[in-house]
PDB file of N, CA and C in Angstrom:
ATOM      1  N   UNK A   1       3.286  10.782  -0.808  1.00  0.00           N
ATOM      2  CA  UNK A   1       2.883  10.153  -2.034  1.00  0.00           C
ATOM      3  C   UNK A   1       2.177  11.143  -2.946  1.00  0.00           C
ATOM      4  N   UNK A   2       2.481  12.375  -2.800  1.00  0.00           N
ATOM      5  CA  UNK A   2       2.002  13.388  -3.724  1.00  0.00           C
ATOM      6  C   UNK A   2       0.517  13.647  -3.609  1.00  0.00           C
ATOM      7  N   UNK A   3      -0.158  13.788  -4.759  1.00  0.00           N
ATOM      8  CA  UNK A   3      -1.572  14.134  -4.809  1.00  0.00           C
ATOM      9  C   UNK A   3      -2.498  12.941  -4.654  1.00  0.00           C
ATOM     10  N   UNK A   4      -1.959  11.788  -4.389  1.00  0.00           N
ATOM     11  CA  UNK A   4      -2.775  10.595  -4.231  1.00  0.00           C
ATOM     12  C   UNK A   4      -3.694  10.742  -3.027  1.00  0.00           C
ATOM     13  N   UNK A   5      -3.262  11.493  -2.030  1.00  0.00           N
ATOM     14  CA  UNK A   5      -4.104  11.830  -0.896  1.00  0.00           C
ATOM     15  C   UNK A   5      -4.134  10.776   0.187  1.00  0.00           C
ATOM     16  N   UNK A   6      -4.799  11.137   1.275  1.00  0.00           N
ATOM     17  CA  UNK A   6      -4.891  10.232   2.429  1.00  0.00           C
ATOM     18  C   UNK A   6      -5.619   8.944   2.099  1.00  0.00           C
ATOM     19  N   UNK A   7      -6.714   9.041   1.322  1.00  0.00           N
ATOM     20  CA  UNK A   7      -7.443   7.831   0.946  1.00  0.00           C
ATOM     21  C   UNK A   7      -6.572   6.932   0.080  1.00  0.00           C
ATOM     22  N   UNK A   8      -5.832   7.534  -0.835  1.00  0.00           N
ATOM     23  CA  UNK A   8      -4.940   6.760  -1.700  1.00  0.00           C
ATOM     24  C   UNK A   8      -3.832   6.110  -0.910  1.00  0.00           C
ATOM     25  N   UNK A   9      -3.297   6.838   0.044  1.00  0.00           N
ATOM     26  CA  UNK A   9      -2.254   6.273   0.898  1.00  0.00           C
ATOM     27  C   UNK A   9      -2.810   5.095   1.683  1.00  0.00           C
ATOM     28  N   UNK A  10      -3.988   5.244   2.258  1.00  0.00           N
ATOM     29  CA  UNK A  10      -4.597   4.162   3.030  1.00  0.00           C
ATOM     30  C   UNK A  10      -4.874   2.948   2.144  1.00  0.00           C
ATOM     31  N   UNK A  11      -5.340   3.186   0.929  1.00  0.00           N
ATOM     32  CA  UNK A  11      -5.612   2.085   0.005  1.00  0.00           C
ATOM     33  C   UNK A  11      -4.316   1.389  -0.404  1.00  0.00           C
ATOM     34  N   UNK A  12      -3.255   2.158  -0.597  1.00  0.00           N
ATOM     35  CA  UNK A  12      -1.960   1.578  -0.946  1.00  0.00           C
ATOM     36  C   UNK A  12      -1.436   0.723   0.197  1.00  0.00           C
ATOM     37  N   UNK A  13      -1.551   1.211   1.409  1.00  0.00           N
ATOM     38  CA  UNK A  13      -1.125   0.446   2.586  1.00  0.00           C
ATOM     39  C   UNK A  13      -1.934  -0.849   2.676  1.00  0.00           C
ATOM     40  N   UNK A  14      -3.229  -0.748   2.446  1.00  0.00           N
ATOM     41  CA  UNK A  14      -4.085  -1.940   2.497  1.00  0.00           C
ATOM     42  C   UNK A  14      -3.649  -2.959   1.449  1.00  0.00           C
ATOM     43  N   UNK A  15      -3.274  -2.485   0.276  1.00  0.00           N
ATOM     44  CA  UNK A  15      -2.829  -3.398  -0.781  1.00  0.00           C
ATOM     45  C   UNK A  15      -1.485  -4.021  -0.451  1.00  0.00           C
ATOM     46  N   UNK A  16      -0.599  -3.257   0.160  1.00  0.00           N
ATOM     47  CA  UNK A  16       0.691  -3.811   0.595  1.00  0.00           C
ATOM     48  C   UNK A  16       0.433  -4.926   1.605  1.00  0.00           C
ATOM     49  N   UNK A  17      -0.423  -4.654   2.578  1.00  0.00           N
ATOM     50  CA  UNK A  17      -0.732  -5.659   3.600  1.00  0.00           C
ATOM     51  C   UNK A  17      -1.412  -6.880   2.988  1.00  0.00           C
ATOM     52  N   UNK A  18      -2.293  -6.663   2.021  1.00  0.00           N
ATOM     53  CA  UNK A  18      -2.972  -7.782   1.361  1.00  0.00           C
ATOM     54  C   UNK A  18      -1.973  -8.669   0.629  1.00  0.00           C
ATOM     55  N   UNK A  19      -1.027  -8.047  -0.060  1.00  0.00           N
ATOM     56  CA  UNK A  19      -0.016  -8.830  -0.780  1.00  0.00           C
ATOM     57  C   UNK A  19       0.911  -9.543   0.201  1.00  0.00           C
ATOM     58  N   UNK A  20       1.200  -8.906   1.327  1.00  0.00           N
ATOM     59  CA  UNK A  20       1.980  -9.578   2.366  1.00  0.00           C
ATOM     60  C   UNK A  20       1.242 -10.830   2.846  1.00  0.00           C
ATOM     61  N   UNK A  21      -0.067 -10.718   3.030  1.00  0.00           N
ATOM     62  CA  UNK A  21      -0.875 -11.866   3.453  1.00  0.00           C
ATOM     63  C   UNK A  21      -0.829 -12.988   2.415  1.00  0.00           C
ATOM     64  N   UNK A  22      -0.934 -12.613   1.142  1.00  0.00           N
ATOM     65  CA  UNK A  22      -0.875 -13.603   0.056  1.00  0.00           C
ATOM     66  C   UNK A  22       0.435 -14.383   0.130  1.00  0.00           C
ATOM     67  N   UNK A  23       1.509 -13.659   0.409  1.00  0.00           N
ATOM     68  CA  UNK A  23       2.834 -14.282   0.466  1.00  0.00           C
ATOM     69  C   UNK A  23       3.119 -14.954   1.810  1.00  0.00           C
ATOM     70  N   UNK A  24       2.231 -14.734   2.769  1.00  0.00           N
ATOM     71  CA  UNK A  24       2.457 -15.272   4.109  1.00  0.00           C
ATOM     72  C   UNK A  24       3.567 -14.538   4.850  1.00  0.00           C
ATOM     73  N   UNK A  25       3.742 -13.264   4.518  1.00  0.00           N
ATOM     74  CA  UNK A  25       4.822 -12.459   5.090  1.00  0.00           C
ATOM     75  C   UNK A  25       4.347 -11.635   6.271  1.00  0.00           C
ATOM     76  N   UNK A  26       5.273 -11.422   7.173  1.00  0.00           N
ATOM     77  CA  UNK A  26       5.141 -10.464   8.266  1.00  0.00           C
ATOM     78  C   UNK A  26       6.086  -9.305   7.952  1.00  0.00           C
ATOM     79  N   UNK A  27       6.038  -8.260   8.771  1.00  0.00           N
ATOM     80  CA  UNK A  27       6.891  -7.097   8.521  1.00  0.00           C
ATOM     81  C   UNK A  27       8.380  -7.438   8.407  1.00  0.00           C
ATOM     82  N   UNK A  28       8.923  -8.328   9.242  1.00  0.00           N
ATOM     83  CA  UNK A  28      10.347  -8.651   9.099  1.00  0.00           C
ATOM     84  C   UNK A  28      10.698  -9.234   7.721  1.00  0.00           C
ATOM     85  N   UNK A  29       9.760  -9.973   7.135  1.00  0.00           N
ATOM     86  CA  UNK A  29       9.989 -10.524   5.798  1.00  0.00           C
ATOM     87  C   UNK A  29      10.086  -9.412   4.760  1.00  0.00           C
ATOM     88  N   UNK A  30       9.190  -8.434   4.878  1.00  0.00           N
ATOM     89  CA  UNK A  30       9.206  -7.315   3.941  1.00  0.00           C
ATOM     90  C   UNK A  30      10.436  -6.444   4.150  1.00  0.00           C
ATOM     91  N   UNK A  31      10.845  -6.271   5.390  1.00  0.00           N
ATOM     92  CA  UNK A  31      12.073  -5.524   5.690  1.00  0.00           C
ATOM     93  C   UNK A  31      13.257  -6.191   4.991  1.00  0.00           C
ATOM     94  N   UNK A  32      13.357  -7.506   5.143  1.00  0.00           N
ATOM     95  CA  UNK A  32      14.479  -8.244   4.554  1.00  0.00           C
ATOM     96  C   UNK A  32      14.467  -8.171   3.031  1.00  0.00           C
ATOM     97  N   UNK A  33      13.285  -8.268   2.438  1.00  0.00           N
ATOM     98  CA  UNK A  33      13.186  -8.288   0.980  1.00  0.00           C
ATOM     99  C   UNK A  33      13.322  -6.907   0.346  1.00  0.00           C
ATOM    100  N   UNK A  34      12.900  -5.872   1.067  1.00  0.00           N
ATOM    101  CA  UNK A  34      12.878  -4.525   0.479  1.00  0.00           C
ATOM    102  C   UNK A  34      14.060  -3.661   0.880  1.00  0.00           C
ATOM    103  N   UNK A  35      14.656  -3.961   2.036  1.00  0.00           N
ATOM    104  CA  UNK A  35      15.738  -3.120   2.536  1.00  0.00           C
ATOM    105  C   UNK A  35      15.254  -1.876   3.260  1.00  0.00           C
ATOM    106  N   UNK A  36      13.945  -1.739   3.435  1.00  0.00           N
ATOM    107  CA  UNK A  36      13.389  -0.593   4.162  1.00  0.00           C
ATOM    108  C   UNK A  36      13.605  -0.848   5.654  1.00  0.00           C
ATOM    109  N   UNK A  37      14.147   0.130   6.378  1.00  0.00           N
ATOM    110  CA  UNK A  37      14.372  -0.071   7.815  1.00  0.00           C
ATOM    111  C   UNK A  37      13.076  -0.412   8.567  1.00  0.00           C
ATOM    112  N   UNK A  38      13.212  -1.261   9.562  1.00  0.00           N
ATOM    113  CA  UNK A  38      12.061  -1.740  10.338  1.00  0.00           C
ATOM    114  C   UNK A  38      11.212  -0.596  10.888  1.00  0.00           C
ATOM    115  N   UNK A  39      11.854   0.385  11.515  1.00  0.00           N
ATOM    116  CA  UNK A  39      11.085   1.474  12.131  1.00  0.00           C
ATOM    117  C   UNK A  39      10.334   2.286  11.076  1.00  0.00           C
ATOM    118  N   UNK A  40      10.963   2.498   9.928  1.00  0.00           N
ATOM    119  CA  UNK A  40      10.296   3.240   8.854  1.00  0.00           C
ATOM    120  C   UNK A  40       9.117   2.449   8.307  1.00  0.00           C
ATOM    121  N   UNK A  41       9.327   1.157   8.043  1.00  0.00           N
ATOM    122  CA  UNK A  41       8.250   0.333   7.503  1.00  0.00           C
ATOM    123  C   UNK A  41       7.070   0.303   8.465  1.00  0.00           C
ATOM    124  N   UNK A  42       7.346   0.194   9.751  1.00  0.00           N
ATOM    125  CA  UNK A  42       6.274   0.193  10.742  1.00  0.00           C
ATOM    126  C   UNK A  42       5.458   1.487  10.655  1.00  0.00           C
ATOM    127  N   UNK A  43       6.137   2.623  10.559  1.00  0.00           N
ATOM    128  CA  UNK A  43       5.425   3.914  10.462  1.00  0.00           C
ATOM    129  C   UNK A  43       4.625   4.011   9.165  1.00  0.00           C
ATOM    130  N   UNK A  44       5.216   3.536   8.065  1.00  0.00           N
ATOM    131  CA  UNK A  44       4.496   3.579   6.780  1.00  0.00           C
ATOM    132  C   UNK A  44       3.225   2.738   6.848  1.00  0.00           C
ATOM    133  N   UNK A  45       3.352   1.512   7.340  1.00  0.00           N
ATOM    134  CA  UNK A  45       2.205   0.607   7.358  1.00  0.00           C
ATOM    135  C   UNK A  45       1.176   0.999   8.407  1.00  0.00           C
ATOM    136  N   UNK A  46       1.589   1.756   9.411  1.00  0.00           N
ATOM    137  CA  UNK A  46       0.640   2.278  10.403  1.00  0.00           C
ATOM    138  C   UNK A  46      -0.056   3.538   9.888  1.00  0.00           C
ATOM    139  N   UNK A  47       0.452   4.095   8.802  1.00  0.00           N
ATOM    140  CA  UNK A  47      -0.139   5.302   8.232  1.00  0.00           C
ATOM    141  C   UNK A  47       0.258   6.573   8.943  1.00  0.00           C
ATOM    142  N   UNK A  48       1.280   6.506   9.786  1.00  0.00           N
ATOM    143  CA  UNK A  48       1.708   7.700  10.512  1.00  0.00           C
ATOM    144  C   UNK A  48       2.756   8.497   9.747  1.00  0.00           C
ATOM    145  N   UNK A  49       3.206   7.927   8.657  1.00  0.00           N
ATOM    146  CA  UNK A  49       4.201   8.615   7.834  1.00  0.00           C
ATOM    147  C   UNK A  49       3.919   8.310   6.371  1.00  0.00           C
ATOM    148  N   UNK A  50       3.975   9.329   5.507  1.00  0.00           N
ATOM    149  CA  UNK A  50       3.786   9.114   4.074  1.00  0.00           C
ATOM    150  C   UNK A  50       4.893   8.227   3.528  1.00  0.00           C
ATOM    151  N   UNK A  51       4.546   7.393   2.556  1.00  0.00           N
ATOM    152  CA  UNK A  51       5.533   6.512   1.932  1.00  0.00           C
ATOM    153  C   UNK A  51       6.087   7.232   0.700  1.00  0.00           C
ATOM    154  N   UNK A  52       7.381   7.560   0.694  1.00  0.00           N
ATOM    155  CA  UNK A  52       7.968   8.199  -0.482  1.00  0.00           C
ATOM    156  C   UNK A  52       7.920   7.261  -1.692  1.00  0.00           C
ATOM    157  N   UNK A  53       7.776   7.822  -2.878  1.00  0.00           N
ATOM    158  CA  UNK A  53       7.668   7.016  -4.086  1.00  0.00           C
ATOM    159  C   UNK A  53       8.816   6.018  -4.245  1.00  0.00           C
ATOM    160  N   UNK A  54      10.080   6.410  -4.037  1.00  0.00           N
ATOM    161  CA  UNK A  54      11.148   5.403  -4.183  1.00  0.00           C
ATOM    162  C   UNK A  54      10.982   4.215  -3.233  1.00  0.00           C
ATOM    163  N   UNK A  55      10.410   4.452  -2.070  1.00  0.00           N
ATOM    164  CA  UNK A  55      10.171   3.366  -1.119  1.00  0.00           C
ATOM    165  C   UNK A  55       9.021   2.493  -1.609  1.00  0.00           C
ATOM    166  N   UNK A  56       7.978   3.102  -2.166  1.00  0.00           N
ATOM    167  CA  UNK A  56       6.874   2.329  -2.740  1.00  0.00           C
ATOM    168  C   UNK A  56       7.412   1.409  -3.837  1.00  0.00           C
ATOM    169  N   UNK A  57       8.315   1.927  -4.659  1.00  0.00           N
ATOM    170  CA  UNK A  57       8.908   1.125  -5.735  1.00  0.00           C
ATOM    171  C   UNK A  57       9.621  -0.088  -5.149  1.00  0.00           C
ATOM    172  N   UNK A  58      10.410   0.118  -4.104  1.00  0.00           N
ATOM    173  CA  UNK A  58      11.154  -0.982  -3.482  1.00  0.00           C
ATOM    174  C   UNK A  58      10.225  -1.983  -2.806  1.00  0.00           C
ATOM    175  N   UNK A  59       9.211  -1.493  -2.118  1.00  0.00           N
ATOM    176  CA  UNK A  59       8.251  -2.381  -1.461  1.00  0.00           C
ATOM    177  C   UNK A  59       7.500  -3.204  -2.499  1.00  0.00           C
ATOM    178  N   UNK A  60       7.018  -2.554  -3.541  1.00  0.00           N
ATOM    179  CA  UNK A  60       6.283  -3.263  -4.597  1.00  0.00           C
ATOM    180  C   UNK A  60       7.171  -4.333  -5.228  1.00  0.00           C
ATOM    181  N   UNK A  61       8.399  -3.971  -5.538  1.00  0.00           N
ATOM    182  CA  UNK A  61       9.333  -4.925  -6.152  1.00  0.00           C
ATOM    183  C   UNK A  61       9.528  -6.133  -5.226  1.00  0.00           C
ATOM    184  N   UNK A  62       9.700  -5.874  -3.937  1.00  0.00           N
ATOM    185  CA  UNK A  62       9.888  -6.957  -2.982  1.00  0.00           C
ATOM    186  C   UNK A  62       8.667  -7.877  -2.930  1.00  0.00           C
ATOM    187  N   UNK A  63       7.490  -7.297  -3.164  1.00  0.00           N
ATOM    188  CA  UNK A  63       6.248  -8.065  -3.137  1.00  0.00           C
ATOM    189  C   UNK A  63       5.939  -8.749  -4.467  1.00  0.00           C
ATOM    190  N   UNK A  64       6.813  -8.549  -5.446  1.00  0.00           N
ATOM    191  CA  UNK A  64       6.606  -9.172  -6.751  1.00  0.00           C
ATOM    192  C   UNK A  64       5.689  -8.392  -7.665  1.00  0.00           C
ATOM    193  N   UNK A  65       5.535  -7.102  -7.382  1.00  0.00           N
ATOM    194  CA  UNK A  65       4.678  -6.219  -8.169  1.00  0.00           C
ATOM    195  C   UNK A  65       5.495  -5.040  -8.685  1.00  0.00           C
ATOM    196  N   UNK A  66       4.930  -4.318  -9.632  1.00  0.00           N
ATOM    197  CA  UNK A  66       5.482  -3.008  -9.963  1.00  0.00           C
ATOM    198  C   UNK A  66       4.722  -1.991  -9.125  1.00  0.00           C
ATOM    199  N   UNK A  67       5.304  -0.824  -8.968  1.00  0.00           N
ATOM    200  CA  UNK A  67       4.592   0.222  -8.215  1.00  0.00           C
ATOM    201  C   UNK A  67       3.319   0.627  -8.952  1.00  0.00           C
ATOM    202  N   UNK A  68       3.345   0.537 -10.272  1.00  0.00           N
ATOM    203  CA  UNK A  68       2.145   0.874 -11.056  1.00  0.00           C
ATOM    204  C   UNK A  68       1.013  -0.099 -10.721  1.00  0.00           C
ATOM    205  N   UNK A  69       1.326  -1.396 -10.674  1.00  0.00           N
ATOM    206  CA  UNK A  69       0.297  -2.383 -10.334  1.00  0.00           C
ATOM    207  C   UNK A  69      -0.212  -2.169  -8.912  1.00  0.00           C
ATOM    208  N   UNK A  70       0.675  -1.848  -8.003  1.00  0.00           N
ATOM    209  CA  UNK A  70       0.263  -1.578  -6.636  1.00  0.00           C
ATOM    210  C   UNK A  70      -0.704  -0.400  -6.585  1.00  0.00           C
ATOM    211  N   UNK A  71      -0.373   0.678  -7.297  1.00  0.00           N
ATOM    212  CA  UNK A  71      -1.254   1.848  -7.326  1.00  0.00           C
ATOM    213  C   UNK A  71      -2.573   1.539  -8.034  1.00  0.00           C
ATOM    214  N   UNK A  72      -2.538   0.726  -9.087  1.00  0.00           N
ATOM    215  CA  UNK A  72      -3.781   0.354  -9.777  1.00  0.00           C
ATOM    216  C   UNK A  72      -4.702  -0.426  -8.849  1.00  0.00           C
ATOM    217  N   UNK A  73      -4.121  -1.332  -8.081  1.00  0.00           N
ATOM    218  CA  UNK A  73      -4.928  -2.093  -7.118  1.00  0.00           C
ATOM    219  C   UNK A  73      -5.530  -1.170  -6.071  1.00  0.00           C
ATOM    220  N   UNK A  74      -4.736  -0.221  -5.607  1.00  0.00           N
ATOM    221  CA  UNK A  74      -5.237   0.744  -4.619  1.00  0.00           C
ATOM    222  C   UNK A  74      -6.361   1.580  -5.224  1.00  0.00           C
ATOM    223  N   UNK A  75      -6.192   1.984  -6.477  1.00  0.00           N
ATOM    224  CA  UNK A  75      -7.225   2.787  -7.142  1.00  0.00           C
ATOM    225  C   UNK A  75      -8.511   1.987  -7.302  1.00  0.00           C
ATOM    226  N   UNK A  76      -8.395   0.706  -7.645  1.00  0.00           N
ATOM    227  CA  UNK A  76      -9.596  -0.134  -7.765  1.00  0.00           C
ATOM    228  C   UNK A  76     -10.319  -0.212  -6.419  1.00  0.00           C
ATOM    229  N   UNK A  77      -9.552  -0.299  -5.350  1.00  0.00           N
ATOM    230  CA  UNK A  77     -10.144  -0.337  -4.008  1.00  0.00           C
ATOM    231  C   UNK A  77     -10.901   0.971  -3.741  1.00  0.00           C
ATOM    232  N   UNK A  78     -10.286   2.096  -4.115  1.00  0.00           N
ATOM    233  CA  UNK A  78     -10.954   3.392  -3.926  1.00  0.00           C
ATOM    234  C   UNK A  78     -12.210   3.493  -4.781  1.00  0.00           C
ATOM    235  N   UNK A  79     -12.106   3.032  -6.034  1.00  0.00           N
ATOM    236  CA  UNK A  79     -13.264   3.078  -6.933  1.00  0.00           C
ATOM    237  C   UNK A  79     -14.400   2.218  -6.400  1.00  0.00           C
ATOM    238  N   UNK A  80     -14.064   1.049  -5.869  1.00  0.00           N
ATOM    239  CA  UNK A  80     -15.087   0.166  -5.304  1.00  0.00           C
ATOM    240  C   UNK A  80     -15.749   0.828  -4.101  1.00  0.00           C
ATOM    241  N   UNK A  81     -14.959   1.504  -3.285  1.00  0.00           N
ATOM    242  CA  UNK A  81     -15.505   2.212  -2.134  1.00  0.00           C
ATOM    243  C   UNK A  81     -16.418   3.348  -2.545  1.00  0.00           C
ATOM    244  N   UNK A  82     -16.059   4.040  -3.624  1.00  0.00           N
ATOM    245  CA  UNK A  82     -16.896   5.135  -4.128  1.00  0.00           C
ATOM    246  C   UNK A  82     -18.218   4.605  -4.647  1.00  0.00           C
ATOM    247  N   UNK A  83     -18.179   3.464  -5.322  1.00  0.00           N
ATOM    248  CA  UNK A  83     -19.395   2.861  -5.842  1.00  0.00           C
ATOM    249  C   UNK A  83     -20.320   2.462  -4.707  1.00  0.00           C
ATOM    250  N   UNK A  84     -19.745   1.887  -3.650  1.00  0.00           N
ATOM    251  CA  UNK A  84     -20.557   1.470  -2.507  1.00  0.00           C
ATOM    252  C   UNK A  84     -21.198   2.660  -1.816  1.00  0.00           C
ATOM    253  N   UNK A  85     -20.455   3.754  -1.662  1.00  0.00           N
ATOM    254  CA  UNK A  85     -21.024   4.910  -0.965  1.00  0.00           C
ATOM    255  C   UNK A  85     -22.106   5.575  -1.812  1.00  0.00           C
ATOM    256  N   UNK A  86     -21.948   5.560  -3.147  1.00  0.00           N
ATOM    257  CA  UNK A  86     -22.990   6.120  -4.016  1.00  0.00           C
ATOM    258  C   UNK A  86     -24.241   5.264  -3.932  1.00  0.00           C
ATOM    259  N   UNK A  87     -24.074   3.947  -3.865  1.00  0.00           N
ATOM    260  CA  UNK A  87     -25.210   3.032  -3.790  1.00  0.00           C
ATOM    261  C   UNK A  87     -25.954   3.243  -2.468  1.00  0.00           C
ATOM    262  N   UNK A  88     -25.235   3.436  -1.386  1.00  0.00           N
ATOM    263  CA  UNK A  88     -25.871   3.631  -0.067  1.00  0.00           C
ATOM    264  C   UNK A  88     -26.661   4.933  -0.021  1.00  0.00           C
ATOM    265  N   UNK A  89     -26.240   5.952  -0.772  1.00  0.00           N
ATOM    266  CA  UNK A  89     -26.924   7.258  -0.716  1.00  0.00           C
ATOM    267  C   UNK A  89     -28.223   7.247  -1.503  1.00  0.00           C
ATOM    268  N   UNK A  90     -28.420   6.290  -2.382  1.00  0.00           N
ATOM    269  CA  UNK A  90     -29.638   6.274  -3.216  1.00  0.00           C
ATOM    270  C   UNK A  90     -30.837   5.835  -2.443  1.00  0.00           C
TER     271      UNK A  90
END
């Protein structure tokens, strides 16, 4: 996922899982809707393999989002985490 980094990847995965929860989906549902192979999706969601941008686009579309919205949600999660860690250090 380029320069988004490990934290960005983790936040993106968390947002994918959160949207799956909203929809009441399990991995097989996302596989069916996105066309991403089961073994690949499992590795992506486990964080053991980077998610290529074209796959993020397909996953987001399957979840009813754009990839931009998915990344914005992930960024908000990162920003919230940064705010919390700054508050704890004071």
